[in-house]
């Protein structure tokens, strides 16, 4: 009932902004939070993964024939990699796009057989930071809306430029 009363007090433009910008931003933030939960289990997988180029090459070739724990860990990392890539939030704004691209590159390196366990842990920490940044940005946008009933300026600028591109066809 509270939400309905609050919605009645919004202008038509505010309702449109909420549907087109705020709700998608919240949904993208939820994807980031889900990815953060998934990352907790990956550290266990990394502890079983090969460490270094010799171990990695062995696990990827001979280990595949015999189904070694190291090879299984590499396959689990590959599945986690695909899942994490699908959960990268697509938030409006150039900084968000930059962060998403960095996150994509880091996740793409997870299955590199040349990495040591220490390097993979550092990579996972970097991935966590990326998802946390994007989740926090989505939360900040939601909080800004709740307080001001306006779109956060960074989102508004990105939204306007995207609409301009669509209209001009460039």
Protein backbone atom coordinates (compact mmCIF):
# COMPACT_ATOMS: atom_id res chain seq x y z
CA UNK A 1 0.00 0.00 0.00
CA UNK A 2 2.88 2.35 0.84
CA UNK A 3 4.50 1.68 -2.52
CA UNK A 4 1.25 2.40 -4.37
CA UNK A 5 0.82 5.73 -2.55
CA UNK A 6 4.41 6.63 -3.32
CA UNK A 7 3.89 5.73 -6.99
CA UNK A 8 0.83 7.99 -7.16
CA UNK A 9 2.97 10.94 -6.07
CA UNK A 10 5.40 10.48 -8.96
CA UNK A 11 5.18 12.47 -12.16
CA UNK A 12 4.81 10.59 -15.44
CA UNK A 13 8.48 11.30 -16.23
CA UNK A 14 9.55 9.91 -12.85
CA UNK A 15 7.54 6.74 -13.48
CA UNK A 16 9.21 6.35 -16.87
CA UNK A 17 12.67 6.99 -15.41
CA UNK A 18 12.03 4.46 -12.66
CA UNK A 19 10.89 1.76 -15.11
CA UNK A 20 13.54 2.41 -17.76
CA UNK A 21 16.61 3.23 -15.66
CA UNK A 22 16.23 2.51 -11.95
CA UNK A 23 14.66 -0.97 -12.14
CA UNK A 24 17.19 -2.26 -14.73
CA UNK A 25 20.01 -0.85 -12.57
CA UNK A 26 18.66 -2.65 -9.50
CA UNK A 27 18.36 -5.91 -11.49
CA UNK A 28 21.94 -5.60 -12.71
CA UNK A 29 23.10 -5.00 -9.13
CA UNK A 30 21.35 -8.22 -8.12
CA UNK A 31 23.40 -10.09 -10.75
CA UNK A 32 26.59 -8.70 -9.19
CA UNK A 33 25.52 -9.83 -5.72
CA UNK A 34 24.76 -13.29 -7.05
CA UNK A 35 28.22 -13.45 -8.65
CA UNK A 36 29.84 -12.46 -5.35
CA UNK A 37 28.14 -15.43 -3.68
CA UNK A 38 29.38 -17.73 -6.42
CA UNK A 39 32.96 -16.48 -6.00
CA UNK A 40 33.09 -17.89 -2.44
CA UNK A 41 33.02 -21.44 -3.78
CA UNK A 42 35.64 -20.80 -6.44
CA UNK A 43 38.44 -20.44 -3.89
CA UNK A 44 37.97 -24.11 -2.94
CA UNK A 45 38.22 -25.07 -6.60
CA UNK A 46 41.41 -23.02 -6.95
CA UNK A 47 43.02 -24.94 -4.09
CA UNK A 48 42.63 -28.11 -6.22
CA UNK A 49 43.67 -26.47 -9.51
CA UNK A 50 47.12 -26.91 -11.04
CA UNK A 51 49.79 -24.43 -10.05
CA UNK A 52 52.16 -23.22 -12.75
CA UNK A 53 52.75 -24.03 -16.39
CA UNK A 54 54.12 -27.58 -15.99
CA UNK A 55 51.36 -28.66 -13.66
CA UNK A 56 48.76 -26.85 -15.78
CA UNK A 57 49.91 -28.42 -19.04
CA UNK A 58 49.94 -31.89 -17.44
CA UNK A 59 46.45 -31.41 -15.94
CA UNK A 60 45.13 -30.14 -19.26
CA UNK A 61 46.53 -33.04 -21.31
CA UNK A 62 47.36 -36.28 -19.49
CA UNK A 63 45.15 -35.26 -16.55
CA UNK A 64 42.20 -35.07 -18.91
CA UNK A 65 42.71 -38.70 -19.91
CA UNK A 66 42.68 -39.90 -16.32
CA UNK A 67 40.25 -37.37 -14.84
CA UNK A 68 42.66 -36.05 -12.21
CA UNK A 69 41.52 -33.66 -9.48
CA UNK A 70 43.54 -30.90 -11.13
CA UNK A 71 41.81 -31.47 -14.47
CA UNK A 72 38.42 -31.54 -12.75
CA UNK A 73 39.28 -28.23 -11.05
CA UNK A 74 40.19 -26.70 -14.44
CA UNK A 75 36.85 -27.83 -15.88
CA UNK A 76 35.00 -26.43 -12.83
CA UNK A 77 36.84 -23.12 -13.30
CA UNK A 78 35.78 -23.08 -16.95
CA UNK A 79 32.12 -23.54 -15.95
CA UNK A 80 32.41 -20.86 -13.26
CA UNK A 81 34.06 -18.57 -15.80
CA UNK A 82 31.05 -18.83 -18.16
CA UNK A 83 28.62 -18.24 -15.30
CA UNK A 84 30.53 -15.19 -14.02
CA UNK A 85 30.79 -13.67 -17.49
CA UNK A 86 27.00 -13.92 -17.81
CA UNK A 87 26.56 -12.13 -14.47
CA UNK A 88 28.64 -9.04 -15.24
CA UNK A 89 26.31 -6.10 -14.60
CA UNK A 90 25.67 -3.77 -17.51
CA UNK A 91 25.12 -0.45 -15.77
CA UNK A 92 24.82 2.87 -17.57
CA UNK A 93 27.84 5.17 -17.50
CA UNK A 94 31.35 5.15 -18.93
CA UNK A 95 32.99 4.20 -15.60
CA UNK A 96 30.66 1.20 -15.30
CA UNK A 97 31.49 0.14 -18.86
CA UNK A 98 35.21 0.42 -18.07
CA UNK A 99 34.80 -1.63 -14.87
CA UNK A 100 32.75 -4.27 -16.71
CA UNK A 101 35.42 -4.62 -19.42
CA UNK A 102 38.16 -5.04 -16.80
CA UNK A 103 36.04 -7.62 -15.03
CA UNK A 104 35.50 -9.49 -18.28
CA UNK A 105 39.26 -9.59 -18.93
CA UNK A 106 40.03 -10.81 -15.41
CA UNK A 107 37.40 -13.56 -15.54
CA UNK A 108 38.71 -14.59 -18.96
CA UNK A 109 42.11 -15.33 -17.43
CA UNK A 110 40.77 -17.68 -14.75
CA UNK A 111 41.35 -20.82 -16.81
CA UNK A 112 44.85 -19.88 -17.99
CA UNK A 113 46.83 -23.07 -17.33
CA UNK A 114 50.05 -21.09 -16.77
CA UNK A 115 48.77 -19.42 -13.59
CA UNK A 116 49.87 -20.45 -10.14
CA UNK A 117 47.34 -20.90 -7.33
CA UNK A 118 48.57 -17.62 -5.80
CA UNK A 119 48.02 -15.79 -9.09
CA UNK A 120 44.51 -17.27 -9.38
CA UNK A 121 43.65 -16.14 -5.83
CA UNK A 122 44.90 -12.62 -6.71
CA UNK A 123 42.77 -12.74 -9.86
CA UNK A 124 39.70 -13.84 -7.89
CA UNK A 125 40.27 -10.98 -5.44
CA UNK A 126 40.40 -8.57 -8.40
CA UNK A 127 37.17 -10.08 -9.76
CA UNK A 128 35.53 -9.69 -6.33
CA UNK A 129 36.54 -6.03 -6.25
CA UNK A 130 35.04 -5.50 -9.71
CA UNK A 131 31.72 -7.10 -8.81
CA UNK A 132 31.62 -5.22 -5.48
CA UNK A 133 32.20 -1.90 -7.27
CA UNK A 134 29.36 -2.53 -9.68
CA UNK A 135 27.02 -3.86 -6.97
CA UNK A 136 27.75 -0.79 -4.83
CA UNK A 137 27.13 1.52 -7.79
CA UNK A 138 23.72 -0.09 -8.36
CA UNK A 139 22.87 0.25 -4.64
CA UNK A 140 23.97 3.88 -4.66
CA UNK A 141 21.74 4.57 -7.67
CA UNK A 142 18.79 2.94 -5.91
CA UNK A 143 19.44 4.88 -2.69
CA UNK A 144 19.77 8.14 -4.64
CA UNK A 145 16.40 7.47 -6.29
CA UNK A 146 14.71 6.63 -2.97
CA UNK A 147 16.00 9.86 -1.44
CA UNK A 148 15.56 12.29 -4.37
CA UNK A 149 13.06 10.64 -6.75
CA UNK A 150 15.54 11.51 -9.48
CA UNK A 151 18.01 9.43 -11.42
CA UNK A 152 21.57 9.66 -10.15
CA UNK A 153 23.38 12.20 -12.40
CA UNK A 154 25.90 9.63 -13.68
CA UNK A 155 23.05 7.39 -14.84
CA UNK A 156 21.10 10.30 -16.29
CA UNK A 157 24.05 11.41 -18.45
CA UNK A 158 24.58 7.88 -19.74
CA UNK A 159 20.87 7.44 -20.40
CA UNK A 160 20.64 10.70 -22.35
CA UNK A 161 23.66 9.90 -24.50
CA UNK A 162 22.26 6.44 -25.31
CA UNK A 163 18.91 7.95 -26.33
CA UNK A 164 20.70 10.55 -28.46
CA UNK A 165 22.62 7.81 -30.25
CA UNK A 166 19.39 5.91 -30.94
CA UNK A 167 17.64 9.00 -32.32
CA UNK A 168 20.46 10.14 -34.57
CA UNK A 169 21.28 6.64 -35.71
CA UNK A 170 25.00 7.07 -35.08
